[in-house]
Amino acid sequence: MNVIKEIEKTYPGTCSEFKRLQKEQYETFCKKQYDYGQHNITLGMDLSDPDNCHLSVTAIIIRINDKVQRLFNLVLKRKKAAQNEPIEDAFKDLSVYGIIAQIVANGKWGK
C-alpha cells in the first residue's frame, strides 16, 4: 500500500493545503535567509565544531520557546487578537525553526 497516495486520495483538500503552506513557508524562508544570511543561525560560529552546533540548536530552541510562549499568551490566556503580527505567523515560524534545527543537526546548514 502506498500510504501517501491513499491519504492524498482520502483527504485531497488537506493534502493540497499542506503542500501549499509548505511552499509558502519555503519561499518565506528563502527571503528571510537572503535578508539575514546564515549567521543568524550559526551565531557567527563554525558549525563543524560539535559544541558550536549544540549552541546553535540551543538558540533555535530558545526561539521556538519564544513563539510557544507568545501562543500561550495570545491564545490560551488572553484570547485576544495579536497587536504586532498575526498568530498564524508564530505557527509558521515554529514549523520553519523545526526544519532549520534539523538542517543544523544534520550538518547541512550554510552548505
N, C-alpha and C. Protein backbone atom coordinates (compact mmCIF):
# COMPACT_ATOMS: atom_id res chain seq x y z
N MET A 1 0.84 -1.18 0.00
CA MET A 1 0.00 0.00 0.00
C MET A 1 0.88 1.25 0.00
N ASN A 2 0.57 2.17 -0.86
CA ASN A 2 1.25 3.46 -0.89
C ASN A 2 0.46 4.42 -0.01
N VAL A 3 0.96 4.65 1.18
CA VAL A 3 0.25 5.45 2.17
C VAL A 3 0.03 6.88 1.67
N ILE A 4 1.03 7.44 1.00
CA ILE A 4 0.90 8.82 0.52
C ILE A 4 -0.25 8.93 -0.48
N LYS A 5 -0.29 8.03 -1.43
CA LYS A 5 -1.38 8.07 -2.42
C LYS A 5 -2.74 7.86 -1.75
N GLU A 6 -2.79 6.98 -0.77
CA GLU A 6 -4.05 6.72 -0.06
C GLU A 6 -4.53 7.96 0.68
N ILE A 7 -3.63 8.61 1.41
CA ILE A 7 -4.01 9.81 2.16
C ILE A 7 -4.38 10.94 1.21
N GLU A 8 -3.61 11.11 0.12
CA GLU A 8 -3.94 12.16 -0.85
C GLU A 8 -5.29 11.91 -1.51
N LYS A 9 -5.65 10.65 -1.69
CA LYS A 9 -6.96 10.31 -2.27
C LYS A 9 -8.07 10.55 -1.26
N THR A 10 -7.83 10.19 -0.02
CA THR A 10 -8.85 10.30 1.03
C THR A 10 -9.06 11.75 1.48
N TYR A 11 -7.97 12.50 1.54
CA TYR A 11 -8.02 13.88 2.04
C TYR A 11 -7.37 14.85 1.06
N PRO A 12 -7.91 14.99 -0.13
CA PRO A 12 -7.24 15.83 -1.14
C PRO A 12 -7.13 17.30 -0.75
N GLY A 13 -8.14 17.84 -0.10
CA GLY A 13 -8.10 19.24 0.31
C GLY A 13 -7.05 19.49 1.37
N THR A 14 -6.98 18.61 2.34
CA THR A 14 -6.00 18.72 3.41
C THR A 14 -4.59 18.62 2.84
N CYS A 15 -4.36 17.64 1.99
CA CYS A 15 -3.02 17.45 1.41
C CYS A 15 -2.63 18.62 0.52
N SER A 16 -3.55 19.12 -0.25
CA SER A 16 -3.28 20.25 -1.11
C SER A 16 -2.90 21.48 -0.28
N GLU A 17 -3.63 21.72 0.80
CA GLU A 17 -3.34 22.86 1.67
C GLU A 17 -2.00 22.69 2.37
N PHE A 18 -1.68 21.47 2.80
CA PHE A 18 -0.40 21.19 3.43
C PHE A 18 0.74 21.54 2.48
N LYS A 19 0.64 21.10 1.25
CA LYS A 19 1.68 21.37 0.25
C LYS A 19 1.76 22.87 -0.06
N ARG A 20 0.63 23.53 -0.13
CA ARG A 20 0.62 24.97 -0.41
C ARG A 20 1.33 25.73 0.70
N LEU A 21 1.04 25.36 1.95
CA LEU A 21 1.68 26.01 3.10
C LEU A 21 3.18 25.74 3.14
N GLN A 22 3.57 24.52 2.81
CA GLN A 22 5.00 24.21 2.77
C GLN A 22 5.71 25.08 1.74
N LYS A 23 5.12 25.23 0.58
CA LYS A 23 5.72 26.05 -0.48
C LYS A 23 5.81 27.51 -0.03
N GLU A 24 4.74 28.01 0.58
CA GLU A 24 4.73 29.39 1.08
C GLU A 24 5.81 29.59 2.14
N GLN A 25 5.94 28.64 3.05
CA GLN A 25 6.94 28.75 4.10
C GLN A 25 8.36 28.65 3.54
N TYR A 26 8.56 27.81 2.53
CA TYR A 26 9.87 27.71 1.90
C TYR A 26 10.24 29.03 1.23
N GLU A 27 9.29 29.64 0.56
CA GLU A 27 9.54 30.94 -0.08
C GLU A 27 9.89 32.00 0.96
N THR A 28 9.16 32.02 2.07
CA THR A 28 9.44 32.97 3.15
C THR A 28 10.81 32.69 3.75
N PHE A 29 11.13 31.42 3.96
CA PHE A 29 12.45 31.02 4.48
C PHE A 29 13.55 31.57 3.58
N CYS A 30 13.41 31.39 2.27
CA CYS A 30 14.43 31.87 1.32
C CYS A 30 14.59 33.38 1.39
N LYS A 31 13.47 34.10 1.46
CA LYS A 31 13.52 35.56 1.53
C LYS A 31 14.19 36.02 2.83
N LYS A 32 13.87 35.37 3.94
CA LYS A 32 14.47 35.75 5.22
C LYS A 32 15.96 35.40 5.24
N GLN A 33 16.33 34.27 4.67
CA GLN A 33 17.75 33.91 4.62
C GLN A 33 18.53 34.90 3.77
N TYR A 34 17.91 35.39 2.72
CA TYR A 34 18.54 36.41 1.88
C TYR A 34 18.79 37.67 2.71
N ASP A 35 17.81 38.06 3.51
CA ASP A 35 17.93 39.27 4.33
C ASP A 35 18.89 39.07 5.51
N TYR A 36 18.78 37.93 6.21
CA TYR A 36 19.55 37.71 7.42
C TYR A 36 20.92 37.09 7.17
N GLY A 37 21.02 36.24 6.16
CA GLY A 37 22.24 35.46 5.96
C GLY A 37 22.25 34.26 6.88
N GLN A 38 23.27 33.44 6.75
CA GLN A 38 23.32 32.20 7.54
C GLN A 38 23.73 32.40 8.98
N HIS A 39 24.36 33.55 9.30
CA HIS A 39 24.92 33.73 10.63
C HIS A 39 23.88 33.99 11.71
N ASN A 40 22.64 34.28 11.33
CA ASN A 40 21.61 34.40 12.37
C ASN A 40 21.37 33.05 13.04
N ILE A 41 21.69 31.98 12.35
CA ILE A 41 21.54 30.63 12.91
C ILE A 41 22.87 30.13 13.47
N THR A 42 23.97 30.40 12.78
CA THR A 42 25.28 29.92 13.25
C THR A 42 25.84 30.75 14.39
N LEU A 43 25.24 31.91 14.63
CA LEU A 43 25.74 32.84 15.64
C LEU A 43 27.16 33.27 15.32
N GLY A 44 27.49 33.22 14.02
CA GLY A 44 28.82 33.62 13.56
C GLY A 44 29.89 32.58 13.82
N MET A 45 29.49 31.37 14.19
CA MET A 45 30.46 30.33 14.54
C MET A 45 30.55 29.27 13.43
N ASP A 46 31.59 28.48 13.51
CA ASP A 46 31.79 27.35 12.62
C ASP A 46 31.03 26.15 13.17
N LEU A 47 30.01 25.72 12.45
CA LEU A 47 29.17 24.63 12.96
C LEU A 47 29.79 23.25 12.77
N SER A 48 30.99 23.17 12.22
CA SER A 48 31.64 21.86 12.15
C SER A 48 32.13 21.44 13.54
N ASP A 49 32.23 22.40 14.45
CA ASP A 49 32.56 22.10 15.85
C ASP A 49 31.27 21.68 16.56
N PRO A 50 31.24 20.48 17.13
CA PRO A 50 30.00 20.00 17.78
C PRO A 50 29.47 20.92 18.88
N ASP A 51 30.36 21.56 19.62
CA ASP A 51 29.91 22.48 20.68
C ASP A 51 29.18 23.67 20.07
N ASN A 52 29.70 24.20 18.96
CA ASN A 52 29.05 25.32 18.29
C ASN A 52 27.71 24.91 17.70
N CYS A 53 27.66 23.70 17.16
CA CYS A 53 26.41 23.18 16.61
C CYS A 53 25.38 23.05 17.73
N HIS A 54 25.81 22.56 18.87
CA HIS A 54 24.91 22.42 20.03
C HIS A 54 24.38 23.79 20.46
N LEU A 55 25.26 24.79 20.49
CA LEU A 55 24.85 26.13 20.87
C LEU A 55 23.84 26.70 19.86
N SER A 56 24.08 26.45 18.58
CA SER A 56 23.16 26.92 17.55
C SER A 56 21.78 26.29 17.72
N VAL A 57 21.74 24.99 17.94
CA VAL A 57 20.45 24.31 18.14
C VAL A 57 19.78 24.83 19.41
N THR A 58 20.56 25.09 20.45
CA THR A 58 20.01 25.66 21.68
C THR A 58 19.37 27.01 21.42
N ALA A 59 20.03 27.85 20.61
CA ALA A 59 19.47 29.16 20.27
C ALA A 59 18.16 29.00 19.49
N ILE A 60 18.09 28.01 18.63
CA ILE A 60 16.85 27.74 17.88
C ILE A 60 15.74 27.33 18.85
N ILE A 61 16.09 26.50 19.82
CA ILE A 61 15.11 26.07 20.83
C ILE A 61 14.58 27.28 21.60
N ILE A 62 15.45 28.22 21.91
CA ILE A 62 15.01 29.44 22.60
C ILE A 62 14.04 30.22 21.72
N ARG A 63 14.33 30.31 20.43
CA ARG A 63 13.41 30.99 19.51
C ARG A 63 12.07 30.27 19.44
N ILE A 64 12.13 28.94 19.42
CA ILE A 64 10.89 28.15 19.41
C ILE A 64 10.10 28.42 20.69
N ASN A 65 10.80 28.44 21.82
CA ASN A 65 10.12 28.72 23.09
C ASN A 65 9.48 30.10 23.09
N ASP A 66 10.15 31.09 22.50
CA ASP A 66 9.56 32.43 22.39
C ASP A 66 8.22 32.37 21.67
N LYS A 67 8.17 31.61 20.58
CA LYS A 67 6.94 31.50 19.79
C LYS A 67 5.86 30.75 20.57
N VAL A 68 6.26 29.70 21.28
CA VAL A 68 5.29 28.93 22.07
C VAL A 68 4.73 29.80 23.19
N GLN A 69 5.58 30.57 23.86
CA GLN A 69 5.11 31.44 24.93
C GLN A 69 4.18 32.51 24.39
N ARG A 70 4.47 33.02 23.20
CA ARG A 70 3.59 34.00 22.55
C ARG A 70 2.22 33.39 22.30
N LEU A 71 2.21 32.16 21.81
CA LEU A 71 0.93 31.48 21.54
C LEU A 71 0.17 31.23 22.85
N PHE A 72 0.87 30.76 23.89
CA PHE A 72 0.22 30.58 25.19
C PHE A 72 -0.44 31.88 25.64
N ASN A 73 0.30 32.96 25.53
CA ASN A 73 -0.20 34.24 25.99
C ASN A 73 -1.39 34.72 25.15
N LEU A 74 -1.28 34.67 23.85
CA LEU A 74 -2.33 35.22 22.99
C LEU A 74 -3.54 34.31 22.82
N VAL A 75 -3.30 33.01 22.80
CA VAL A 75 -4.40 32.07 22.52
C VAL A 75 -5.03 31.54 23.81
N LEU A 76 -4.21 31.11 24.76
CA LEU A 76 -4.76 30.45 25.94
C LEU A 76 -5.08 31.41 27.07
N LYS A 77 -4.31 32.47 27.23
CA LYS A 77 -4.53 33.37 28.35
C LYS A 77 -5.45 34.52 28.01
N ARG A 78 -5.10 35.26 26.98
CA ARG A 78 -5.86 36.46 26.66
C ARG A 78 -7.03 36.21 25.72
N LYS A 79 -6.81 35.35 24.77
CA LYS A 79 -7.83 35.07 23.75
C LYS A 79 -8.22 36.35 23.02
N LYS A 80 -7.22 37.20 22.77
CA LYS A 80 -7.44 38.45 22.04
C LYS A 80 -6.58 38.44 20.79
N ALA A 81 -6.88 39.36 19.91
CA ALA A 81 -6.10 39.48 18.68
C ALA A 81 -4.71 40.01 18.99
N ALA A 82 -3.73 39.50 18.27
CA ALA A 82 -2.36 39.98 18.42
C ALA A 82 -2.27 41.42 17.92
N GLN A 83 -1.37 42.19 18.53
CA GLN A 83 -1.20 43.59 18.15
C GLN A 83 -0.04 43.80 17.18
N ASN A 84 0.88 42.85 17.12
CA ASN A 84 2.08 43.04 16.31
C ASN A 84 2.04 42.24 15.01
N GLU A 85 1.88 40.95 15.12
CA GLU A 85 1.83 40.10 13.94
C GLU A 85 0.77 39.03 14.19
N PRO A 86 0.18 38.51 13.14
CA PRO A 86 -0.89 37.51 13.33
C PRO A 86 -0.37 36.26 14.06
N ILE A 87 -1.25 35.62 14.79
CA ILE A 87 -0.90 34.38 15.49
C ILE A 87 -0.40 33.33 14.51
N GLU A 88 -0.94 33.33 13.30
CA GLU A 88 -0.53 32.36 12.29
C GLU A 88 0.96 32.45 12.01
N ASP A 89 1.53 33.66 12.14
CA ASP A 89 2.97 33.81 11.91
C ASP A 89 3.78 33.00 12.92
N ALA A 90 3.32 32.92 14.15
CA ALA A 90 4.02 32.13 15.15
C ALA A 90 4.00 30.65 14.78
N PHE A 91 2.87 30.17 14.28
CA PHE A 91 2.79 28.77 13.84
C PHE A 91 3.73 28.52 12.66
N LYS A 92 3.79 29.46 11.73
CA LYS A 92 4.70 29.33 10.59
C LYS A 92 6.14 29.30 11.06
N ASP A 93 6.48 30.21 11.95
CA ASP A 93 7.85 30.26 12.46
C ASP A 93 8.23 28.96 13.17
N LEU A 94 7.30 28.40 13.93
CA LEU A 94 7.58 27.15 14.63
C LEU A 94 7.94 26.03 13.66
N SER A 95 7.18 25.91 12.59
CA SER A 95 7.47 24.82 11.65
C SER A 95 8.79 25.04 10.94
N VAL A 96 9.09 26.29 10.58
CA VAL A 96 10.35 26.58 9.89
C VAL A 96 11.54 26.38 10.85
N TYR A 97 11.43 26.85 12.08
CA TYR A 97 12.52 26.64 13.04
C TYR A 97 12.77 25.15 13.27
N GLY A 98 11.72 24.35 13.27
CA GLY A 98 11.89 22.90 13.41
C GLY A 98 12.71 22.31 12.28
N ILE A 99 12.46 22.77 11.07
CA ILE A 99 13.23 22.30 9.92
C ILE A 99 14.66 22.82 9.99
N ILE A 100 14.83 24.09 10.34
CA ILE A 100 16.17 24.66 10.45
C ILE A 100 16.99 23.88 11.48
N ALA A 101 16.40 23.53 12.61
CA ALA A 101 17.11 22.76 13.63
C ALA A 101 17.58 21.41 13.08
N GLN A 102 16.74 20.78 12.26
CA GLN A 102 17.12 19.50 11.66
C GLN A 102 18.26 19.68 10.66
N ILE A 103 18.23 20.77 9.90
CA ILE A 103 19.29 21.05 8.93
C ILE A 103 20.62 21.26 9.67
N VAL A 104 20.58 22.03 10.75
CA VAL A 104 21.79 22.25 11.55
C VAL A 104 22.29 20.95 12.12
N ALA A 105 21.40 20.17 12.73
CA ALA A 105 21.79 18.90 13.35
C ALA A 105 22.35 17.91 12.32
N ASN A 106 21.88 18.01 11.08
CA ASN A 106 22.36 17.12 10.01
C ASN A 106 23.64 17.62 9.36
N GLY A 107 24.15 18.76 9.85
CA GLY A 107 25.40 19.29 9.33
C GLY A 107 25.29 19.91 7.95
N LYS A 108 24.13 20.36 7.57
CA LYS A 108 23.90 20.90 6.22
C LYS A 108 23.67 22.40 6.19
N TRP A 109 23.66 23.08 7.35
CA TRP A 109 23.36 24.50 7.36
C TRP A 109 24.49 25.29 6.69
N GLY A 110 24.13 26.18 5.82
CA GLY A 110 25.09 27.05 5.15
C GLY A 110 25.91 26.36 4.07
N LYS A 111 25.48 25.20 3.65
CA LYS A 111 26.21 24.45 2.62
C LYS A 111 25.40 24.32 1.35
